[in-house]
Amino acid sequence: MTPDIVVDVGNTAIKWGHCAGGTVSEAAWLPPDNPDAWAKQAALWNLSGASGTWVVTSVNPSYCTRLITWIEQQGGTVRLLAEARELPLRVSLEKPDHVGIDRLLDAVAANGLRPPGRPAVVVDAGSAITSCRVFA
């Protein structure tokens, strides 16, 4: 699936990324519970309603449910990315899905940037500051 919009639903903001050419070409930070702001952003990006393919991740289930419902009501298609096994990542923890999806996605991004075999430390500064080690 090649998404038109990627979304990170956090505790204090929803971040949208408008995709073009296999990368995020534009980004927007939106209120987590304001469909009028979402509609305005969709219009700025020339989306018809919220049409297109959306990939959504979330650490806040209630905000996520509201956003997904809104996208689907606007005619969009949503794929919720919620489990470690859905990512190109080997997680060596007893309970990999207890790690926030935001941290797992940070590790996927680090793997795409670092040379193979070189470890990395990822720091995620959202409503909480977390860190994790990424190894080959």
Protein backbone atom coordinates (compact mmCIF):
# COMPACT_ATOMS: atom_id res chain seq x y z
CA MET A 1 0.00 0.00 0.00
CA THR A 2 1.27 3.44 -0.92
CA PRO A 3 -0.39 5.97 1.35
CA ASP A 4 -1.50 9.44 0.36
CA ILE A 5 -1.48 10.58 3.99
CA VAL A 6 0.41 9.20 7.00
CA VAL A 7 -0.79 10.10 10.49
CA ASP A 8 0.63 9.93 14.00
CA VAL A 9 -2.10 10.39 16.60
CA GLY A 10 -0.43 11.52 19.80
CA ASN A 11 -1.66 12.67 23.17
CA THR A 12 -1.48 16.40 22.44
CA ALA A 13 -1.49 16.66 18.63
CA ILE A 14 -2.22 14.76 15.45
CA LYS A 15 0.56 14.94 12.89
CA TRP A 16 -0.32 14.49 9.23
CA GLY A 17 2.19 13.86 6.46
CA HIS A 18 1.19 14.39 2.82
CA CYS A 19 3.02 11.84 0.69
CA ALA A 20 4.38 12.33 -2.81
CA GLY A 21 7.05 10.40 -4.66
CA GLY A 22 7.52 7.89 -1.84
CA THR A 23 8.26 10.50 0.83
CA VAL A 24 6.47 12.95 3.09
CA SER A 25 6.36 16.19 1.12
CA GLU A 26 4.36 18.30 3.59
CA ALA A 27 3.50 18.03 7.26
CA ALA A 28 0.85 19.53 9.52
CA TRP A 29 0.28 19.53 13.28
CA LEU A 30 -3.43 19.55 14.12
CA PRO A 31 -5.60 19.53 17.23
CA PRO A 32 -6.44 15.99 18.34
CA ASP A 33 -10.22 16.49 18.50
CA ASN A 34 -11.19 19.12 15.94
CA PRO A 35 -12.80 17.81 12.74
CA ASP A 36 -13.15 21.38 11.40
CA ALA A 37 -9.35 21.79 11.53
CA TRP A 38 -8.93 18.40 9.85
CA ALA A 39 -11.31 19.40 7.05
CA LYS A 40 -9.48 22.71 6.57
CA GLN A 41 -6.13 20.89 6.28
CA ALA A 42 -7.59 18.37 3.82
CA ALA A 43 -8.81 21.30 1.70
CA LEU A 44 -5.37 22.98 1.85
CA TRP A 45 -3.85 19.79 0.46
CA ASN A 46 -6.55 19.56 -2.22
CA LEU A 47 -7.93 16.32 -0.84
CA SER A 48 -11.56 15.80 -1.74
CA GLY A 49 -12.96 15.51 1.77
CA ALA A 50 -10.51 13.05 3.25
CA SER A 51 -10.36 10.78 0.23
CA GLY A 52 -7.33 8.70 -0.53
CA THR A 53 -5.40 6.10 1.39
CA TRP A 54 -4.41 6.90 4.97
CA VAL A 55 -2.00 4.99 7.22
CA VAL A 56 -2.65 5.82 10.86
CA THR A 57 -0.65 5.05 13.99
CA SER A 58 -1.60 6.05 17.48
CA VAL A 59 -0.71 6.08 21.14
CA ASN A 60 -4.14 7.54 21.96
CA PRO A 61 -6.99 5.15 21.10
CA SER A 62 -9.88 7.59 21.69
CA TYR A 63 -8.44 10.33 19.44
CA CYS A 64 -7.51 7.67 16.89
CA THR A 65 -11.03 6.25 16.75
CA ARG A 66 -12.49 9.72 16.20
CA LEU A 67 -10.04 10.49 13.39
CA ILE A 68 -10.57 7.14 11.64
CA THR A 69 -14.34 7.58 11.82
CA TRP A 70 -14.00 11.07 10.33
CA ILE A 71 -11.72 9.85 7.50
CA GLU A 72 -14.09 7.01 6.61
CA GLN A 73 -17.11 9.34 6.68
CA GLN A 74 -15.27 11.56 4.19
CA GLY A 75 -14.66 8.61 1.84
CA GLY A 76 -11.07 7.80 2.77
CA THR A 77 -9.55 4.36 3.21
CA VAL A 78 -7.66 3.73 6.46
CA ARG A 79 -5.04 1.21 7.47
CA LEU A 80 -4.34 1.25 11.19
CA LEU A 81 -0.75 0.26 11.89
CA ALA A 82 -0.76 -0.92 15.51
CA GLU A 83 1.46 -3.98 16.08
CA ALA A 84 5.21 -4.53 16.08
CA ARG A 85 4.88 -7.52 13.73
CA GLU A 86 3.56 -5.18 11.00
CA LEU A 87 6.88 -3.34 10.82
CA PRO A 88 10.18 -4.26 9.13
CA LEU A 89 11.79 -4.57 12.54
CA ARG A 90 12.98 -7.34 14.84
CA VAL A 91 11.94 -6.47 18.40
CA SER A 92 13.82 -8.51 20.99
CA LEU A 93 11.48 -7.91 23.89
CA GLU A 94 9.19 -10.32 25.70
CA LYS A 95 6.17 -8.13 24.87
CA PRO A 96 6.99 -6.11 21.75
CA ASP A 97 3.50 -4.60 21.51
CA HIS A 98 3.95 -2.99 24.92
CA VAL A 99 6.39 -0.58 23.28
CA GLY A 100 4.61 2.44 21.87
CA ILE A 101 4.13 2.31 18.10
CA ASP A 102 5.76 5.76 17.93
CA ARG A 103 9.00 4.36 19.39
CA LEU A 104 8.90 1.38 17.03
CA LEU A 105 8.48 3.67 14.04
CA ASP A 106 11.42 5.75 15.29
CA ALA A 107 13.50 2.57 15.22
CA VAL A 108 12.35 1.78 11.66
CA ALA A 109 13.41 5.29 10.61
CA ALA A 110 16.79 4.91 12.36
CA ASN A 111 17.36 1.62 10.54
CA GLY A 112 16.76 3.40 7.24
CA LEU A 113 19.34 6.08 8.07
CA ARG A 114 22.17 4.26 9.83
CA PRO A 115 24.80 2.06 8.19
CA PRO A 116 24.13 -1.68 8.62
CA GLY A 117 25.71 -3.08 11.78
CA ARG A 118 26.08 0.30 13.47
CA PRO A 119 24.02 0.79 16.63
CA ALA A 120 21.93 3.90 17.20
CA VAL A 121 20.15 5.59 20.07
CA VAL A 122 16.73 7.06 19.31
CA VAL A 123 15.24 9.80 21.50
CA ASP A 124 11.54 10.59 21.05
CA ALA A 125 10.38 13.86 22.59
CA GLY A 126 6.60 13.97 22.54
CA SER A 127 4.42 14.42 25.61
CA ALA A 128 7.01 12.14 27.25
CA ILE A 129 10.72 11.78 26.44
CA THR A 130 11.70 8.20 25.71
CA SER A 131 14.80 6.54 24.33
CA CYS A 132 15.64 3.17 22.88
CA ARG A 133 18.66 1.43 21.44
CA VAL A 134 18.59 0.16 17.87
CA PHE A 135 20.93 -2.64 16.81
CA ALA A 136 21.41 -4.58 13.62
